[in-house]
Protein backbone atom coordinates (compact mmCIF):
# COMPACT_ATOMS: atom_id res chain seq x y z
CA UNK A 1 272.83 32.74 -21.88
CA UNK A 2 272.99 33.51 -25.59
CA UNK A 3 269.91 31.41 -26.13
CA UNK A 4 267.99 33.02 -23.64
CA UNK A 5 268.84 36.56 -25.02
CA UNK A 6 267.76 35.59 -28.48
CA UNK A 7 264.50 34.16 -27.06
CA UNK A 8 263.90 37.45 -25.40
CA UNK A 9 264.60 39.69 -28.46
CA UNK A 10 262.72 37.49 -30.67
CA UNK A 11 259.46 37.32 -28.46
CA UNK A 12 259.84 40.70 -26.59
CA UNK A 13 261.87 43.06 -28.35
CA UNK A 14 259.64 43.89 -31.41
CA UNK A 15 257.06 44.78 -28.70
CA UNK A 16 259.35 46.60 -26.64
CA UNK A 17 260.82 48.64 -29.38
CA UNK A 18 257.40 49.66 -30.82
CA UNK A 19 256.25 50.78 -27.42
CA UNK A 20 259.51 52.62 -27.00
CA UNK A 21 258.81 54.53 -30.32
CA UNK A 22 255.40 55.47 -29.48
CA UNK A 23 256.39 56.81 -26.09
CA UNK A 24 258.71 58.85 -28.19
CA UNK A 25 256.85 60.24 -30.89
CA UNK A 26 253.52 60.97 -28.90
CA UNK A 27 255.02 64.12 -27.29
CA UNK A 28 256.25 65.36 -30.73
CA UNK A 29 253.07 65.06 -32.12
CA UNK A 30 251.30 66.87 -29.22
CA UNK A 31 254.06 69.70 -29.40
CA UNK A 32 253.05 70.28 -33.16
CA UNK A 33 249.56 70.75 -32.30
CA UNK A 34 249.46 73.65 -30.75
CA UNK A 35 246.62 76.54 -30.20
CA UNK A 36 248.44 79.20 -32.22
CA UNK A 37 248.28 80.57 -35.53
CA UNK A 38 250.04 83.23 -37.73
CA UNK A 39 248.73 86.18 -39.57
CA UNK A 40 250.47 87.63 -42.61
CA UNK A 41 249.62 91.36 -43.53
CA UNK A 42 250.31 92.83 -47.04
CA UNK A 43 249.57 96.46 -47.42
CA UNK A 44 248.59 98.12 -50.73
CA UNK A 45 248.05 101.24 -52.12
CA UNK A 46 245.33 102.38 -54.48
CA UNK A 47 247.26 101.10 -57.67
CA UNK A 48 248.43 98.08 -56.09
CA UNK A 49 252.13 98.56 -55.27
CA UNK A 50 253.09 97.61 -51.78
CA UNK A 51 253.53 100.36 -49.27
CA UNK A 52 256.66 100.32 -46.82
CA UNK A 53 256.49 101.36 -43.71
CA UNK A 54 252.88 101.22 -42.62
CA UNK A 55 251.96 100.95 -39.00
CA UNK A 56 250.39 97.78 -37.89
CA UNK A 57 248.41 97.41 -34.62
CA UNK A 58 246.82 93.90 -34.15
CA UNK A 59 244.53 93.45 -30.91
CA UNK A 60 243.33 90.26 -29.46
CA UNK A 61 239.70 90.59 -28.63
CA UNK A 62 239.65 88.11 -25.91
CA UNK A 63 242.53 89.30 -24.08
CA UNK A 64 242.92 92.96 -25.19
CA UNK A 65 246.67 92.24 -25.86
CA UNK A 66 248.22 94.66 -28.49
CA UNK A 67 251.22 93.92 -30.66
CA UNK A 68 252.41 96.41 -33.09
CA UNK A 69 254.73 96.53 -36.05
CA UNK A 70 255.45 98.19 -39.48
CA UNK A 71 255.64 96.57 -42.90
CA UNK A 72 258.90 95.86 -44.43
CA UNK A 73 260.31 96.65 -47.81
CA UNK A 74 258.42 94.19 -49.74
CA UNK A 75 254.94 96.04 -47.76
CA UNK A 76 254.35 92.87 -45.65
CA UNK A 77 254.63 91.69 -41.95
CA UNK A 78 254.14 88.73 -40.29
CA UNK A 79 252.62 87.92 -36.91
CA UNK A 80 253.51 84.60 -35.31
CA UNK A 81 252.43 82.54 -32.20
CA UNK A 82 249.25 84.19 -32.01
CA UNK A 83 246.46 82.49 -29.80
CA UNK A 84 243.52 81.25 -31.75
CA UNK A 85 240.63 83.68 -32.01
CA UNK A 86 239.62 87.13 -33.21
CA UNK A 87 241.70 90.12 -33.75
CA UNK A 88 241.32 93.76 -34.64
CA UNK A 89 243.66 94.94 -37.35
CA UNK A 90 244.40 98.78 -37.52
CA UNK A 91 246.64 99.91 -40.69
CA UNK A 92 247.87 103.55 -40.87
CA UNK A 93 250.34 105.44 -42.99
CA UNK A 94 250.87 109.14 -43.37
CA UNK A 95 249.08 110.29 -46.52
CA UNK A 96 246.65 107.40 -46.31
CA UNK A 97 243.21 106.92 -44.51
CA UNK A 98 243.69 104.63 -41.58
CA UNK A 99 242.22 101.10 -42.29
CA UNK A 100 240.31 98.91 -39.22
CA UNK A 101 239.38 95.50 -39.81
CA UNK A 102 237.17 94.40 -36.78
CA UNK A 103 237.37 90.48 -37.08
CA UNK A 104 240.33 88.84 -38.25
CA UNK A 105 240.04 85.22 -37.19
CA UNK A 106 243.18 83.21 -36.40
CA UNK A 107 243.24 79.57 -36.38
CA UNK A 108 245.20 76.83 -35.00
CA UNK A 109 248.32 75.93 -36.96
CA UNK A 110 247.14 78.07 -39.97
CA UNK A 111 248.38 81.00 -41.53
CA UNK A 112 245.76 83.62 -42.26
CA UNK A 113 246.75 86.13 -45.07
CA UNK A 114 245.23 89.70 -45.08
CA UNK A 115 245.44 92.19 -47.78
CA UNK A 116 244.60 95.55 -46.92
CA UNK A 117 244.38 98.40 -49.59
CA UNK A 118 244.68 101.87 -48.37
CA UNK A 119 243.17 104.67 -50.01
CA UNK A 120 244.81 108.16 -50.31
CA UNK A 121 243.98 110.63 -47.42
CA UNK A 122 244.21 114.58 -47.05
CA UNK A 123 247.82 115.63 -47.98
CA UNK A 124 249.70 116.17 -44.58
CA UNK A 125 252.63 117.71 -46.16
CA UNK A 126 253.07 120.61 -48.45
CA UNK A 127 255.68 120.44 -51.08
CA UNK A 128 256.77 123.83 -52.46
CA UNK A 129 258.67 124.24 -55.74
CA UNK A 130 260.83 127.34 -56.24
CA UNK A 131 262.14 128.37 -59.64
CA UNK A 132 265.46 128.37 -58.63
CA UNK A 133 265.29 124.75 -57.73
CA UNK A 134 264.37 123.75 -61.43
CA UNK A 135 267.46 122.60 -63.20
CA UNK A 136 268.40 124.69 -66.30
CA UNK A 137 270.27 121.77 -68.01
CA UNK A 138 268.43 119.04 -70.05
CA UNK A 139 269.11 115.67 -68.35
CA UNK A 140 266.74 113.40 -70.41
CA UNK A 141 268.65 113.75 -73.56
CA UNK A 142 271.78 112.57 -74.72
CA UNK A 143 272.16 114.32 -78.03
CA UNK A 144 274.85 116.48 -78.81
CA UNK A 145 273.90 119.70 -81.25
CA UNK A 146 275.90 122.61 -82.59
CA UNK A 147 274.26 125.48 -84.24
CA UNK A 148 275.39 126.48 -88.06
CA UNK A 149 275.62 129.99 -89.01
CA UNK A 150 274.04 130.82 -92.29
CA UNK A 151 277.41 131.31 -93.75
CA UNK A 152 278.30 127.92 -92.91
CA UNK A 153 274.97 126.47 -94.53
CA UNK A 154 275.63 128.16 -97.65
CA UNK A 155 279.37 126.36 -97.84
CA UNK A 156 277.41 123.25 -97.11
CA UNK A 157 275.54 123.46 -100.18
CA UNK A 158 278.46 124.22 -102.24
CA UNK A 159 280.75 121.55 -100.66
CA UNK A 160 279.70 118.59 -102.61
CA UNK A 161 282.85 117.19 -103.80
CA UNK A 162 284.29 116.88 -100.31
CA UNK A 163 283.98 113.44 -97.98
CA UNK A 164 281.55 114.80 -95.33
CA UNK A 165 280.01 118.15 -96.17
CA UNK A 166 278.22 118.38 -92.85
CA UNK A 167 281.42 117.54 -90.80
CA UNK A 168 283.26 120.48 -92.98
CA UNK A 169 280.58 123.22 -92.28
CA UNK A 170 280.52 122.11 -88.63
CA UNK A 171 284.52 122.61 -88.25
CA UNK A 172 284.50 125.98 -90.18
CA UNK A 173 282.08 127.24 -87.46
CA UNK A 174 283.53 125.57 -84.43
CA UNK A 175 287.33 125.52 -84.48
CA UNK A 176 287.37 123.36 -81.36
CA UNK A 177 285.66 120.44 -82.99
CA UNK A 178 288.24 118.96 -84.62
CA UNK A 179 291.56 118.98 -86.28
CA UNK A 180 292.03 122.38 -88.14
CA UNK A 181 289.73 124.74 -89.39
CA UNK A 182 288.58 124.05 -93.20
CA UNK A 183 286.97 127.16 -94.75
CA UNK A 184 287.63 126.00 -98.28
CA UNK A 185 286.19 122.57 -98.29
C-alpha cells in the first residue's frame, strides 16, 4: 500500500497541489481588484499653511451620493472606498471663499491627491480691542533695570577705587538690592 501511495504522490500530488493553490489564490486576487478608489484632500491657505476644520463635501455625480467631512490637524482628510467615476468637491471655511472643483476623477485601486488653496474671503467676525485689554507690563523682554539718581551718578564717577563702582551706585540708590547700603564707596 505504501507503493501505491508514493506512486500517487509522485504522479498526481504535484498537479493536485498546483490545482488547489490556484483555487485558493484566484479569489484573493479578485478581491484585490475592486472598482473603488481613494481621494485625499489637502486644504491650504494663501501662504501655503494647512487649514484645520475646513468643511469638505464630496458628491458622486453618477449617483448624487454625498459624503461630508472636516480636515484634521494636518489640514487633510481621506475619503476611502469611493466608486470609480467623477466627483464634485466643495471646500469651505469661515473667513475664506468657498472653492468648488467640478470634476475630481476617481480611478480604481488608485489614490487621487487633491490640493485646494482657499482664498481669504470677507471678514465674518469683528474683533474689538479696548484700551483696557492692552497689558501694561512689557512681556517681550527679560531685562532688569533700575534708575540711578544724579547723586548716584556723581558717586559712580568718584568711586573708581572700589571693586564695582556700578554695583556701589546701584546699592546706594536701592537699599533692598543687596547687602547694606554703601554710601562711602
